[in-house]
């Protein structure tokens, strides 16, 4: 990256607001198949700092007249070559999610997210350059339902049946 400075500092965001979740990498109108990502909504001050440093900050147009555009950063979730540490947090404890299980976050009722984004400095032969955000660490606390207290100590009888390693899939 010739003229832009190289970004090497991770971004730590506590109590992040996320949306447009596609942890499964499902193909869609704005997403090619296999590309796992989500958006992190930013405070204006942080968005302007990141944008000045070359991060790919975008602004979501408001739905209602009089509202301000909302800044966001798309975060990529890649398990190759180095997998991120993504932890699912509930009252019962924490579970590390991997490439086969992370898709459950697409439909989860998320209470809070703490994350660290790792910068990837990119450049093209035509001179364009920027910084893409990759998830390095992410703790996702799930909102628990009305029956969680009643069943939270029940053993998980299907724990070996999650994902592609399930013997039922054979």
C-alpha atoms as a PDB file:
ATOM      1  CA  UNK A   1       0.000   0.000   0.000  1.00  0.00           C
ATOM      2  CA  UNK A   2       1.942   2.935  -1.248  1.00  0.00           C
ATOM      3  CA  UNK A   3       0.181   6.088  -0.051  1.00  0.00           C
ATOM      4  CA  UNK A   4      -2.095   4.773   2.676  1.00  0.00           C
ATOM      5  CA  UNK A   5      -0.640   3.843   6.011  1.00  0.00           C
ATOM      6  CA  UNK A   6      -0.729   0.188   6.942  1.00  0.00           C
ATOM      7  CA  UNK A   7      -3.265  -0.620   9.673  1.00  0.00           C
ATOM      8  CA  UNK A   8      -1.958  -3.160  12.161  1.00  0.00           C
ATOM      9  CA  UNK A   9      -4.093  -2.528  15.237  1.00  0.00           C
ATOM     10  CA  UNK A  10      -7.058  -4.739  16.087  1.00  0.00           C
ATOM     11  CA  UNK A  11     -10.390  -3.140  16.949  1.00  0.00           C
ATOM     12  CA  UNK A  12     -11.972  -4.154  20.262  1.00  0.00           C
ATOM     13  CA  UNK A  13     -15.716  -3.483  20.557  1.00  0.00           C
ATOM     14  CA  UNK A  14     -17.707  -4.337  23.672  1.00  0.00           C
ATOM     15  CA  UNK A  15     -21.509  -4.551  23.579  1.00  0.00           C
ATOM     16  CA  UNK A  16     -21.428  -4.428  19.785  1.00  0.00           C
ATOM     17  CA  UNK A  17     -24.647  -4.216  17.815  1.00  0.00           C
ATOM     18  CA  UNK A  18     -24.605  -6.598  14.869  1.00  0.00           C
ATOM     19  CA  UNK A  19     -26.961  -7.294  11.984  1.00  0.00           C
ATOM     20  CA  UNK A  20     -27.284  -8.714   8.483  1.00  0.00           C
ATOM     21  CA  UNK A  21     -25.956 -11.994   9.897  1.00  0.00           C
ATOM     22  CA  UNK A  22     -24.726 -14.643   7.468  1.00  0.00           C
ATOM     23  CA  UNK A  23     -22.571 -16.955   9.568  1.00  0.00           C
ATOM     24  CA  UNK A  24     -23.588 -19.895   7.363  1.00  0.00           C
ATOM     25  CA  UNK A  25     -22.203 -18.284   4.212  1.00  0.00           C
ATOM     26  CA  UNK A  26     -25.502 -18.769   2.409  1.00  0.00           C
ATOM     27  CA  UNK A  27     -25.684 -17.318  -1.080  1.00  0.00           C
ATOM     28  CA  UNK A  28     -27.918 -14.279  -1.379  1.00  0.00           C
ATOM     29  CA  UNK A  29     -28.560 -11.158  -3.401  1.00  0.00           C
ATOM     30  CA  UNK A  30     -25.537  -9.413  -1.881  1.00  0.00           C
ATOM     31  CA  UNK A  31     -23.452 -12.444  -0.889  1.00  0.00           C
ATOM     32  CA  UNK A  32     -21.692 -15.142  -2.901  1.00  0.00           C
ATOM     33  CA  UNK A  33     -21.970 -18.698  -1.547  1.00  0.00           C
ATOM     34  CA  UNK A  34     -19.456 -19.546   1.166  1.00  0.00           C
ATOM     35  CA  UNK A  35     -18.723 -15.984   2.301  1.00  0.00           C
ATOM     36  CA  UNK A  36     -19.529 -15.801   6.027  1.00  0.00           C
ATOM     37  CA  UNK A  37     -20.029 -12.307   7.420  1.00  0.00           C
ATOM     38  CA  UNK A  38     -22.129  -9.889   9.422  1.00  0.00           C
ATOM     39  CA  UNK A  39     -22.238  -6.142   9.997  1.00  0.00           C
ATOM     40  CA  UNK A  40     -21.134  -4.280  13.110  1.00  0.00           C
ATOM     41  CA  UNK A  41     -22.961  -0.999  13.653  1.00  0.00           C
ATOM     42  CA  UNK A  42     -20.590   1.737  14.815  1.00  0.00           C
ATOM     43  CA  UNK A  43     -20.721   4.973  16.741  1.00  0.00           C
ATOM     44  CA  UNK A  44     -20.160   7.964  14.430  1.00  0.00           C
ATOM     45  CA  UNK A  45     -16.849   8.987  16.039  1.00  0.00           C
ATOM     46  CA  UNK A  46     -15.335   5.510  15.733  1.00  0.00           C
ATOM     47  CA  UNK A  47     -16.666   5.162  12.179  1.00  0.00           C
ATOM     48  CA  UNK A  48     -14.959   8.364  11.056  1.00  0.00           C
ATOM     49  CA  UNK A  49     -11.628   7.337  12.629  1.00  0.00           C
ATOM     50  CA  UNK A  50     -11.759   3.888  11.014  1.00  0.00           C
ATOM     51  CA  UNK A  51     -12.778   5.342   7.665  1.00  0.00           C
ATOM     52  CA  UNK A  52      -9.841   7.784   7.764  1.00  0.00           C
ATOM     53  CA  UNK A  53      -7.530   4.819   8.430  1.00  0.00           C
ATOM     54  CA  UNK A  54      -8.827   2.992   5.350  1.00  0.00           C
ATOM     55  CA  UNK A  55     -11.336   0.560   6.888  1.00  0.00           C
ATOM     56  CA  UNK A  56     -14.321  -0.151   4.622  1.00  0.00           C
ATOM     57  CA  UNK A  57     -16.930   1.754   6.652  1.00  0.00           C
ATOM     58  CA  UNK A  58     -20.300   2.119   4.960  1.00  0.00           C
ATOM     59  CA  UNK A  59     -23.348   4.157   5.887  1.00  0.00           C
ATOM     60  CA  UNK A  60     -26.831   2.634   6.015  1.00  0.00           C
ATOM     61  CA  UNK A  61     -29.432   5.057   4.747  1.00  0.00           C
ATOM     62  CA  UNK A  62     -32.167   5.820   7.313  1.00  0.00           C
ATOM     63  CA  UNK A  63     -35.638   4.366   6.900  1.00  0.00           C
ATOM     64  CA  UNK A  64     -37.405   7.408   8.320  1.00  0.00           C
ATOM     65  CA  UNK A  65     -37.070  11.068   7.353  1.00  0.00           C
ATOM     66  CA  UNK A  66     -35.027  13.021   9.857  1.00  0.00           C
ATOM     67  CA  UNK A  67     -32.961  10.027  10.993  1.00  0.00           C
ATOM     68  CA  UNK A  68     -29.219  10.002  10.439  1.00  0.00           C
ATOM     69  CA  UNK A  69     -27.353   7.394   8.354  1.00  0.00           C
ATOM     70  CA  UNK A  70     -25.960   4.561  10.506  1.00  0.00           C
ATOM     71  CA  UNK A  71     -22.293   3.631  10.028  1.00  0.00           C
ATOM     72  CA  UNK A  72     -21.350  -0.028   9.863  1.00  0.00           C
ATOM     73  CA  UNK A  73     -18.415  -2.252   9.092  1.00  0.00           C
ATOM     74  CA  UNK A  74     -18.802  -5.621   7.438  1.00  0.00           C
ATOM     75  CA  UNK A  75     -16.868  -8.284   9.353  1.00  0.00           C
ATOM     76  CA  UNK A  76     -15.719 -11.464   7.626  1.00  0.00           C
ATOM     77  CA  UNK A  77     -15.722 -14.812   9.425  1.00  0.00           C
ATOM     78  CA  UNK A  78     -13.055 -17.099   7.994  1.00  0.00           C
ATOM     79  CA  UNK A  79     -11.803 -20.386   9.424  1.00  0.00           C
ATOM     80  CA  UNK A  80      -8.931 -20.648   6.961  1.00  0.00           C
ATOM     81  CA  UNK A  81      -6.000 -20.436   7.519  1.00  0.00           C
ATOM     82  CA  UNK A  82      -6.420 -19.438  11.199  1.00  0.00           C
ATOM     83  CA  UNK A  83      -9.845 -19.963  12.766  1.00  0.00           C
ATOM     84  CA  UNK A  84     -11.336 -17.230  14.936  1.00  0.00           C
ATOM     85  CA  UNK A  85     -12.241 -17.880  18.556  1.00  0.00           C
ATOM     86  CA  UNK A  86     -16.044 -17.628  18.624  1.00  0.00           C
ATOM     87  CA  UNK A  87     -17.654 -18.427  21.969  1.00  0.00           C
ATOM     88  CA  UNK A  88     -21.372 -18.971  22.554  1.00  0.00           C
ATOM     89  CA  UNK A  89     -22.196 -17.800  26.087  1.00  0.00           C
ATOM     90  CA  UNK A  90     -25.203 -18.936  28.117  1.00  0.00           C
ATOM     91  CA  UNK A  91     -25.929 -19.275  31.829  1.00  0.00           C
ATOM     92  CA  UNK A  92     -24.806 -22.896  31.563  1.00  0.00           C
ATOM     93  CA  UNK A  93     -21.347 -21.926  30.334  1.00  0.00           C
ATOM     94  CA  UNK A  94     -19.454 -21.321  27.124  1.00  0.00           C
ATOM     95  CA  UNK A  95     -19.175 -23.375  23.963  1.00  0.00           C
ATOM     96  CA  UNK A  96     -16.625 -22.708  21.238  1.00  0.00           C
ATOM     97  CA  UNK A  97     -18.192 -22.624  17.797  1.00  0.00           C
ATOM     98  CA  UNK A  98     -16.399 -23.880  14.696  1.00  0.00           C
ATOM     99  CA  UNK A  99     -17.028 -23.846  10.955  1.00  0.00           C
ATOM    100  CA  UNK A 100     -19.713 -26.540  11.309  1.00  0.00           C
ATOM    101  CA  UNK A 101     -21.608 -24.924  14.209  1.00  0.00           C
ATOM    102  CA  UNK A 102     -21.192 -21.144  13.830  1.00  0.00           C
ATOM    103  CA  UNK A 103     -24.242 -20.955  11.562  1.00  0.00           C
ATOM    104  CA  UNK A 104     -26.520 -21.266  14.607  1.00  0.00           C
ATOM    105  CA  UNK A 105     -25.820 -17.560  15.213  1.00  0.00           C
ATOM    106  CA  UNK A 106     -27.836 -16.684  12.090  1.00  0.00           C
ATOM    107  CA  UNK A 107     -31.088 -17.340  13.962  1.00  0.00           C
ATOM    108  CA  UNK A 108     -29.992 -16.855  17.575  1.00  0.00           C
ATOM    109  CA  UNK A 109     -31.629 -14.273  19.812  1.00  0.00           C
ATOM    110  CA  UNK A 110     -28.440 -12.403  20.671  1.00  0.00           C
ATOM    111  CA  UNK A 111     -28.280 -10.426  23.898  1.00  0.00           C
ATOM    112  CA  UNK A 112     -24.762  -9.024  23.569  1.00  0.00           C
ATOM    113  CA  UNK A 113     -21.574  -9.321  21.530  1.00  0.00           C
ATOM    114  CA  UNK A 114     -17.986  -8.522  22.480  1.00  0.00           C
ATOM    115  CA  UNK A 115     -15.487  -8.856  19.666  1.00  0.00           C
ATOM    116  CA  UNK A 116     -12.034  -8.174  18.343  1.00  0.00           C
ATOM    117  CA  UNK A 117     -11.635  -7.453  14.635  1.00  0.00           C
ATOM    118  CA  UNK A 118      -8.350  -8.077  12.902  1.00  0.00           C
ATOM    119  CA  UNK A 119      -7.342  -5.787   9.996  1.00  0.00           C
ATOM    120  CA  UNK A 120      -6.388  -7.205   6.619  1.00  0.00           C
ATOM    121  CA  UNK A 121      -4.655  -4.612   4.451  1.00  0.00           C
ATOM    122  CA  UNK A 122      -5.426  -5.188   0.778  1.00  0.00           C
ATOM    123  CA  UNK A 123      -4.401  -3.484  -2.420  1.00  0.00           C
ATOM    124  CA  UNK A 124      -5.008  -3.995  -6.111  1.00  0.00           C
ATOM    125  CA  UNK A 125      -2.858  -3.333  -9.160  1.00  0.00           C
ATOM    126  CA  UNK A 126      -5.135  -0.436 -10.141  1.00  0.00           C
ATOM    127  CA  UNK A 127      -4.035   1.433  -7.001  1.00  0.00           C
ATOM    128  CA  UNK A 128      -7.135   0.956  -4.876  1.00  0.00           C
ATOM    129  CA  UNK A 129      -6.471  -0.209  -1.318  1.00  0.00           C
ATOM    130  CA  UNK A 130      -8.232  -0.579   1.994  1.00  0.00           C
ATOM    131  CA  UNK A 131      -8.628  -2.528   5.187  1.00  0.00           C
ATOM    132  CA  UNK A 132     -11.015  -5.454   5.592  1.00  0.00           C
ATOM    133  CA  UNK A 133     -12.228  -6.586   9.031  1.00  0.00           C
ATOM    134  CA  UNK A 134     -11.912 -10.242  10.045  1.00  0.00           C
ATOM    135  CA  UNK A 135     -13.233 -11.688  13.298  1.00  0.00           C
ATOM    136  CA  UNK A 136     -10.387 -12.678  15.599  1.00  0.00           C
ATOM    137  CA  UNK A 137     -12.315 -13.162  18.855  1.00  0.00           C
ATOM    138  CA  UNK A 138     -16.056 -13.030  19.483  1.00  0.00           C
ATOM    139  CA  UNK A 139     -18.142 -13.740  22.582  1.00  0.00           C
ATOM    140  CA  UNK A 140     -21.866 -13.994  21.822  1.00  0.00           C
ATOM    141  CA  UNK A 141     -24.283 -14.047  24.755  1.00  0.00           C
ATOM    142  CA  UNK A 142     -27.610 -15.607  23.856  1.00  0.00           C
ATOM    143  CA  UNK A 143     -30.862 -14.298  25.340  1.00  0.00           C
ATOM    144  CA  UNK A 144     -32.344 -17.143  27.313  1.00  0.00           C
ATOM    145  CA  UNK A 145     -35.979 -18.083  26.993  1.00  0.00           C
ATOM    146  CA  UNK A 146     -38.715 -18.479  29.618  1.00  0.00           C
ATOM    147  CA  UNK A 147     -38.001 -22.202  30.125  1.00  0.00           C
ATOM    148  CA  UNK A 148     -34.223 -21.925  30.494  1.00  0.00           C
ATOM    149  CA  UNK A 149     -34.414 -22.030  34.312  1.00  0.00           C
ATOM    150  CA  UNK A 150     -36.501 -25.189  34.216  1.00  0.00           C
ATOM    151  CA  UNK A 151     -34.252 -27.126  31.818  1.00  0.00           C
ATOM    152  CA  UNK A 152     -30.765 -25.635  32.190  1.00  0.00           C
ATOM    153  CA  UNK A 153     -29.411 -28.658  34.131  1.00  0.00           C
ATOM    154  CA  UNK A 154     -30.813 -31.297  31.765  1.00  0.00           C
ATOM    155  CA  UNK A 155     -28.015 -33.239  30.034  1.00  0.00           C
ATOM    156  CA  UNK A 156     -27.601 -32.782  26.301  1.00  0.00           C
ATOM    157  CA  UNK A 157     -28.424 -36.194  24.846  1.00  0.00           C
ATOM    158  CA  UNK A 158     -27.577 -35.137  21.283  1.00  0.00           C
ATOM    159  CA  UNK A 159     -24.229 -33.443  21.899  1.00  0.00           C
ATOM    160  CA  UNK A 160     -22.463 -35.816  19.497  1.00  0.00           C
ATOM    161  CA  UNK A 161     -25.102 -35.176  16.856  1.00  0.00           C
ATOM    162  CA  UNK A 162     -24.339 -31.555  16.042  1.00  0.00           C
ATOM    163  CA  UNK A 163     -22.939 -30.863  12.601  1.00  0.00           C
ATOM    164  CA  UNK A 164     -21.441 -33.193  10.027  1.00  0.00           C
ATOM    165  CA  UNK A 165     -19.986 -35.631  12.613  1.00  0.00           C
ATOM    166  CA  UNK A 166     -23.413 -36.860  13.668  1.00  0.00           C
ATOM    167  CA  UNK A 167     -23.637 -40.679  13.404  1.00  0.00           C
ATOM    168  CA  UNK A 168     -27.253 -40.347  12.246  1.00  0.00           C
ATOM    169  CA  UNK A 169     -25.956 -38.659   9.083  1.00  0.00           C
ATOM    170  CA  UNK A 170     -24.055 -41.834   8.066  1.00  0.00           C
END
